[in-house]
């Protein structure tokens, strides 16, 4: 083989090696690009999953917070409503007492256990009835009483609160749920109308 033929053969072989090298390099680059695209897609998927998870977590926190605020608002409103209802009930007791004061007074006194009552607490409106019924007792006035009396024995060993206010207080835990239920029913009916 001559020198020019050797030169051409070496040149061809070098070009083939360069082409093979470039082809291998391009395949590596293409493979690496695909790996990077796959990694990028995995990162995008993971970021999307984390974002959805965070959005869900925040939404749940906001829902819980709003529910808690709604419950707190409702409890506050119900407490105010409870106060208002108790005030109205007390006013009604006063009005009811005015209509049947003598009959109610006799009923309250009849319910007292036998004792030597030394102090009778009543409203101004019941002062004369108390003085007539308990002539030996000290009559103390309490304007917050709507009707009825509070009787205290001589040795203060026995004290009986037989007032309408006390009866209302004892009955209130049973009355309030019924009143609130009726109120909610009316409110719900108005909201759907």
C-alpha atoms as a PDB file:
ATOM      1  CA  UNK A   1       0.000   0.000   0.000  1.00  0.00           C
ATOM      2  CA  UNK A   2       1.286   3.382  -0.934  1.00  0.00           C
ATOM      3  CA  UNK A   3       1.664   6.391   1.137  1.00  0.00           C
ATOM      4  CA  UNK A   4      -1.350   8.204  -0.344  1.00  0.00           C
ATOM      5  CA  UNK A   5      -3.487   5.098   0.068  1.00  0.00           C
ATOM      6  CA  UNK A   6      -2.330   4.792   3.661  1.00  0.00           C
ATOM      7  CA  UNK A   7      -3.077   8.434   4.216  1.00  0.00           C
ATOM      8  CA  UNK A   8      -6.586   8.048   2.765  1.00  0.00           C
ATOM      9  CA  UNK A   9      -7.205   4.884   4.806  1.00  0.00           C
ATOM     10  CA  UNK A  10      -6.025   6.577   8.004  1.00  0.00           C
ATOM     11  CA  UNK A  11      -8.071   9.642   7.191  1.00  0.00           C
ATOM     12  CA  UNK A  12     -11.161   7.478   6.569  1.00  0.00           C
ATOM     13  CA  UNK A  13     -10.537   5.543   9.760  1.00  0.00           C
ATOM     14  CA  UNK A  14     -10.086   8.813  11.703  1.00  0.00           C
ATOM     15  CA  UNK A  15     -13.270  10.242  10.237  1.00  0.00           C
ATOM     16  CA  UNK A  16     -15.149   7.053  11.161  1.00  0.00           C
ATOM     17  CA  UNK A  17     -13.786   7.237  14.679  1.00  0.00           C
ATOM     18  CA  UNK A  18     -14.763  10.931  14.904  1.00  0.00           C
ATOM     19  CA  UNK A  19     -18.243  10.107  13.541  1.00  0.00           C
ATOM     20  CA  UNK A  20     -18.556   7.215  15.993  1.00  0.00           C
ATOM     21  CA  UNK A  21     -17.361   9.474  18.807  1.00  0.00           C
ATOM     22  CA  UNK A  22     -19.847  12.216  17.796  1.00  0.00           C
ATOM     23  CA  UNK A  23     -22.624   9.692  17.427  1.00  0.00           C
ATOM     24  CA  UNK A  24     -21.854   8.251  20.874  1.00  0.00           C
ATOM     25  CA  UNK A  25     -21.632  11.778  22.290  1.00  0.00           C
ATOM     26  CA  UNK A  26     -24.944  12.759  20.656  1.00  0.00           C
ATOM     27  CA  UNK A  27     -26.574   9.575  21.967  1.00  0.00           C
ATOM     28  CA  UNK A  28     -25.245  10.358  25.457  1.00  0.00           C
ATOM     29  CA  UNK A  29     -26.487  13.943  25.167  1.00  0.00           C
ATOM     30  CA  UNK A  30     -29.884  12.751  23.859  1.00  0.00           C
ATOM     31  CA  UNK A  31     -30.081  10.178  26.654  1.00  0.00           C
ATOM     32  CA  UNK A  32     -29.109  12.790  29.255  1.00  0.00           C
ATOM     33  CA  UNK A  33     -31.624  15.263  27.797  1.00  0.00           C
ATOM     34  CA  UNK A  34     -34.336  12.605  28.090  1.00  0.00           C
ATOM     35  CA  UNK A  35     -33.244  11.858  31.658  1.00  0.00           C
ATOM     36  CA  UNK A  36     -33.405  15.589  32.452  1.00  0.00           C
ATOM     37  CA  UNK A  37     -36.868  15.850  30.843  1.00  0.00           C
ATOM     38  CA  UNK A  38     -37.976  12.820  32.893  1.00  0.00           C
ATOM     39  CA  UNK A  39     -36.491  14.330  36.064  1.00  0.00           C
ATOM     40  CA  UNK A  40     -38.103  17.668  35.251  1.00  0.00           C
ATOM     41  CA  UNK A  41     -41.457  15.940  34.723  1.00  0.00           C
ATOM     42  CA  UNK A  42     -41.034  14.063  38.020  1.00  0.00           C
ATOM     43  CA  UNK A  43     -40.169  17.340  39.775  1.00  0.00           C
ATOM     44  CA  UNK A  44     -43.199  19.009  38.177  1.00  0.00           C
ATOM     45  CA  UNK A  45     -45.432  16.120  39.277  1.00  0.00           C
ATOM     46  CA  UNK A  46     -43.958  16.206  42.793  1.00  0.00           C
ATOM     47  CA  UNK A  47     -44.294  20.006  42.971  1.00  0.00           C
ATOM     48  CA  UNK A  48     -47.907  19.734  41.767  1.00  0.00           C
ATOM     49  CA  UNK A  49     -48.598  17.031  44.368  1.00  0.00           C
ATOM     50  CA  UNK A  50     -47.021  19.156  47.112  1.00  0.00           C
ATOM     51  CA  UNK A  51     -48.945  22.203  45.937  1.00  0.00           C
ATOM     52  CA  UNK A  52     -52.221  20.263  45.936  1.00  0.00           C
ATOM     53  CA  UNK A  53     -51.372  18.860  49.359  1.00  0.00           C
ATOM     54  CA  UNK A  54     -50.611  22.343  50.708  1.00  0.00           C
ATOM     55  CA  UNK A  55     -53.750  23.777  49.103  1.00  0.00           C
ATOM     56  CA  UNK A  56     -55.790  20.955  50.628  1.00  0.00           C
ATOM     57  CA  UNK A  57     -54.143  21.447  54.028  1.00  0.00           C
ATOM     58  CA  UNK A  58     -54.764  25.207  53.959  1.00  0.00           C
ATOM     59  CA  UNK A  59     -58.334  24.755  52.721  1.00  0.00           C
ATOM     60  CA  UNK A  60     -58.999  22.287  55.546  1.00  0.00           C
ATOM     61  CA  UNK A  61     -57.462  24.671  58.090  1.00  0.00           C
ATOM     62  CA  UNK A  62     -59.611  27.510  56.773  1.00  0.00           C
ATOM     63  CA  UNK A  63     -62.712  25.315  56.832  1.00  0.00           C
ATOM     64  CA  UNK A  64     -62.012  24.260  60.411  1.00  0.00           C
ATOM     65  CA  UNK A  65     -61.316  27.862  61.398  1.00  0.00           C
ATOM     66  CA  UNK A  66     -64.479  29.124  59.714  1.00  0.00           C
ATOM     67  CA  UNK A  67     -66.532  26.345  61.316  1.00  0.00           C
ATOM     68  CA  UNK A  68     -65.060  27.179  64.712  1.00  0.00           C
ATOM     69  CA  UNK A  69     -65.842  30.865  64.152  1.00  0.00           C
ATOM     70  CA  UNK A  70     -69.366  29.972  63.049  1.00  0.00           C
ATOM     71  CA  UNK A  71     -69.857  27.809  66.144  1.00  0.00           C
ATOM     72  CA  UNK A  72     -68.416  30.546  68.380  1.00  0.00           C
ATOM     73  CA  UNK A  73     -70.675  33.142  66.740  1.00  0.00           C
ATOM     74  CA  UNK A  74     -73.669  30.876  67.115  1.00  0.00           C
ATOM     75  CA  UNK A  75     -72.873  30.159  70.773  1.00  0.00           C
ATOM     76  CA  UNK A  76     -72.417  33.877  71.415  1.00  0.00           C
ATOM     77  CA  UNK A  77     -75.700  34.667  69.665  1.00  0.00           C
ATOM     78  CA  UNK A  78     -77.451  31.904  71.596  1.00  0.00           C
ATOM     79  CA  UNK A  79     -76.025  33.216  74.880  1.00  0.00           C
ATOM     80  CA  UNK A  80     -77.316  36.703  74.059  1.00  0.00           C
ATOM     81  CA  UNK A  81     -80.634  35.202  73.032  1.00  0.00           C
ATOM     82  CA  UNK A  82     -80.717  33.225  76.289  1.00  0.00           C
ATOM     83  CA  UNK A  83     -80.187  36.441  78.269  1.00  0.00           C
ATOM     84  CA  UNK A  84     -82.879  38.209  76.292  1.00  0.00           C
ATOM     85  CA  UNK A  85     -85.329  35.340  76.756  1.00  0.00           C
ATOM     86  CA  UNK A  86     -84.655  35.242  80.502  1.00  0.00           C
ATOM     87  CA  UNK A  87     -85.278  38.981  80.687  1.00  0.00           C
ATOM     88  CA  UNK A  88     -88.542  38.619  78.792  1.00  0.00           C
ATOM     89  CA  UNK A  89     -89.568  35.672  80.968  1.00  0.00           C
ATOM     90  CA  UNK A  90     -88.911  37.733  84.103  1.00  0.00           C
ATOM     91  CA  UNK A  91     -91.038  40.562  82.712  1.00  0.00           C
ATOM     92  CA  UNK A  92     -93.815  38.112  81.936  1.00  0.00           C
ATOM     93  CA  UNK A  93     -93.622  36.731  85.479  1.00  0.00           C
ATOM     94  CA  UNK A  94     -94.176  40.223  86.844  1.00  0.00           C
ATOM     95  CA  UNK A  95     -97.180  40.719  84.550  1.00  0.00           C
ATOM     96  CA  UNK A  96     -98.621  37.302  85.438  1.00  0.00           C
ATOM     97  CA  UNK A  97     -98.157  37.968  89.149  1.00  0.00           C
ATOM     98  CA  UNK A  98    -100.065  41.251  88.918  1.00  0.00           C
ATOM     99  CA  UNK A  99    -103.161  39.451  87.622  1.00  0.00           C
ATOM    100  CA  UNK A 100    -103.263  36.723  90.316  1.00  0.00           C
ATOM    101  CA  UNK A 101    -101.162  38.114  93.159  1.00  0.00           C
ATOM    102  CA  UNK A 102    -103.419  36.994  96.042  1.00  0.00           C
ATOM    103  CA  UNK A 103    -103.949  33.460  94.655  1.00  0.00           C
ATOM    104  CA  UNK A 104    -100.240  32.985  93.909  1.00  0.00           C
ATOM    105  CA  UNK A 105     -99.287  34.310  97.348  1.00  0.00           C
ATOM    106  CA  UNK A 106    -101.542  31.814  99.099  1.00  0.00           C
ATOM    107  CA  UNK A 107    -100.151  28.971  96.957  1.00  0.00           C
ATOM    108  CA  UNK A 108     -96.543  29.960  97.703  1.00  0.00           C
ATOM    109  CA  UNK A 109     -97.211  30.202 101.439  1.00  0.00           C
ATOM    110  CA  UNK A 110     -99.008  26.845 101.468  1.00  0.00           C
ATOM    111  CA  UNK A 111     -95.902  25.202  99.990  1.00  0.00           C
ATOM    112  CA  UNK A 112     -93.636  26.350 102.832  1.00  0.00           C
ATOM    113  CA  UNK A 113     -92.692  23.665 105.344  1.00  0.00           C
ATOM    114  CA  UNK A 114     -93.852  24.295 108.923  1.00  0.00           C
ATOM    115  CA  UNK A 115     -91.299  26.485 110.703  1.00  0.00           C
ATOM    116  CA  UNK A 116     -90.989  29.662 112.743  1.00  0.00           C
ATOM    117  CA  UNK A 117     -90.182  32.128 109.947  1.00  0.00           C
ATOM    118  CA  UNK A 118     -88.322  35.163 111.232  1.00  0.00           C
ATOM    119  CA  UNK A 119     -87.563  36.932 107.967  1.00  0.00           C
ATOM    120  CA  UNK A 120     -89.633  37.081 104.798  1.00  0.00           C
ATOM    121  CA  UNK A 121     -88.150  38.641 101.668  1.00  0.00           C
ATOM    122  CA  UNK A 122     -90.678  39.877  99.110  1.00  0.00           C
ATOM    123  CA  UNK A 123     -91.211  42.480  96.408  1.00  0.00           C
ATOM    124  CA  UNK A 124     -92.760  45.848  97.302  1.00  0.00           C
ATOM    125  CA  UNK A 125     -96.033  44.664  95.768  1.00  0.00           C
ATOM    126  CA  UNK A 126     -96.213  41.697  98.186  1.00  0.00           C
ATOM    127  CA  UNK A 127     -95.246  43.637 101.342  1.00  0.00           C
ATOM    128  CA  UNK A 128     -98.806  43.948 102.684  1.00  0.00           C
ATOM    129  CA  UNK A 129     -99.550  40.277 102.008  1.00  0.00           C
ATOM    130  CA  UNK A 130     -96.331  39.261 103.787  1.00  0.00           C
ATOM    131  CA  UNK A 131     -97.076  41.462 106.816  1.00  0.00           C
ATOM    132  CA  UNK A 132    -100.587  40.016 107.077  1.00  0.00           C
ATOM    133  CA  UNK A 133     -99.466  36.371 106.617  1.00  0.00           C
ATOM    134  CA  UNK A 134     -96.302  36.583 108.773  1.00  0.00           C
ATOM    135  CA  UNK A 135     -97.042  39.274 111.406  1.00  0.00           C
ATOM    136  CA  UNK A 136     -94.126  38.264 113.663  1.00  0.00           C
ATOM    137  CA  UNK A 137     -91.518  38.155 110.876  1.00  0.00           C
ATOM    138  CA  UNK A 138     -89.218  40.891 109.663  1.00  0.00           C
ATOM    139  CA  UNK A 139     -90.278  41.887 106.144  1.00  0.00           C
ATOM    140  CA  UNK A 140     -87.371  42.623 103.815  1.00  0.00           C
ATOM    141  CA  UNK A 141     -87.940  44.098 100.360  1.00  0.00           C
ATOM    142  CA  UNK A 142     -86.197  42.795  97.256  1.00  0.00           C
ATOM    143  CA  UNK A 143     -87.236  44.580  94.075  1.00  0.00           C
ATOM    144  CA  UNK A 144     -85.834  41.876  91.794  1.00  0.00           C
ATOM    145  CA  UNK A 145     -88.466  39.414  93.015  1.00  0.00           C
ATOM    146  CA  UNK A 146     -91.313  39.138  90.516  1.00  0.00           C
ATOM    147  CA  UNK A 147     -93.508  37.279  92.953  1.00  0.00           C
ATOM    148  CA  UNK A 148     -93.326  34.746  95.702  1.00  0.00           C
ATOM    149  CA  UNK A 149     -91.114  34.934  98.748  1.00  0.00           C
ATOM    150  CA  UNK A 150     -87.896  33.882 100.405  1.00  0.00           C
ATOM    151  CA  UNK A 151     -88.489  32.658 103.951  1.00  0.00           C
ATOM    152  CA  UNK A 152     -85.736  32.322 106.560  1.00  0.00           C
ATOM    153  CA  UNK A 153     -86.232  30.509 109.879  1.00  0.00           C
ATOM    154  CA  UNK A 154     -85.401  32.086 113.228  1.00  0.00           C
ATOM    155  CA  UNK A 155     -82.079  30.275 113.638  1.00  0.00           C
ATOM    156  CA  UNK A 156     -81.308  30.718 109.895  1.00  0.00           C
ATOM    157  CA  UNK A 157     -81.018  26.955 109.670  1.00  0.00           C
ATOM    158  CA  UNK A 158     -83.696  26.845 107.013  1.00  0.00           C
ATOM    159  CA  UNK A 159     -84.060  29.155 104.059  1.00  0.00           C
ATOM    160  CA  UNK A 160     -86.666  28.523 101.365  1.00  0.00           C
ATOM    161  CA  UNK A 161     -86.629  30.453  98.113  1.00  0.00           C
ATOM    162  CA  UNK A 162     -90.176  30.026  96.881  1.00  0.00           C
ATOM    163  CA  UNK A 163     -90.104  32.876  94.384  1.00  0.00           C
ATOM    164  CA  UNK A 164     -91.098  32.885  90.737  1.00  0.00           C
ATOM    165  CA  UNK A 165     -87.542  33.892  89.836  1.00  0.00           C
ATOM    166  CA  UNK A 166     -86.152  30.828  91.594  1.00  0.00           C
ATOM    167  CA  UNK A 167     -88.710  28.607  89.907  1.00  0.00           C
ATOM    168  CA  UNK A 168     -87.807  30.117  86.550  1.00  0.00           C
ATOM    169  CA  UNK A 169     -84.096  29.543  87.250  1.00  0.00           C
ATOM    170  CA  UNK A 170     -84.720  25.900  88.115  1.00  0.00           C
ATOM    171  CA  UNK A 171     -86.941  25.358  85.065  1.00  0.00           C
ATOM    172  CA  UNK A 172     -84.735  27.341  82.663  1.00  0.00           C
ATOM    173  CA  UNK A 173     -82.357  24.472  81.754  1.00  0.00           C
ATOM    174  CA  UNK A 174     -85.414  22.494  80.625  1.00  0.00           C
ATOM    175  CA  UNK A 175     -87.154  25.436  78.950  1.00  0.00           C
ATOM    176  CA  UNK A 176     -84.203  26.870  77.047  1.00  0.00           C
ATOM    177  CA  UNK A 177     -83.539  23.891  74.734  1.00  0.00           C
ATOM    178  CA  UNK A 178     -87.219  23.828  73.781  1.00  0.00           C
ATOM    179  CA  UNK A 179     -87.256  27.577  73.154  1.00  0.00           C
ATOM    180  CA  UNK A 180     -84.020  27.401  71.132  1.00  0.00           C
ATOM    181  CA  UNK A 181     -85.350  24.495  69.097  1.00  0.00           C
ATOM    182  CA  UNK A 182     -88.515  26.419  68.291  1.00  0.00           C
ATOM    183  CA  UNK A 183     -86.490  29.533  67.475  1.00  0.00           C
ATOM    184  CA  UNK A 184     -84.176  27.588  65.134  1.00  0.00           C
ATOM    185  CA  UNK A 185     -87.187  26.023  63.455  1.00  0.00           C
ATOM    186  CA  UNK A 186     -88.682  29.465  62.847  1.00  0.00           C
ATOM    187  CA  UNK A 187     -85.377  30.879  61.599  1.00  0.00           C
ATOM    188  CA  UNK A 188     -84.804  27.919  59.284  1.00  0.00           C
ATOM    189  CA  UNK A 189     -88.338  28.228  57.944  1.00  0.00           C
ATOM    190  CA  UNK A 190     -87.802  31.952  57.268  1.00  0.00           C
ATOM    191  CA  UNK A 191     -84.478  31.274  55.509  1.00  0.00           C
ATOM    192  CA  UNK A 192     -86.066  28.752  53.149  1.00  0.00           C
ATOM    193  CA  UNK A 193     -89.068  30.961  52.405  1.00  0.00           C
END
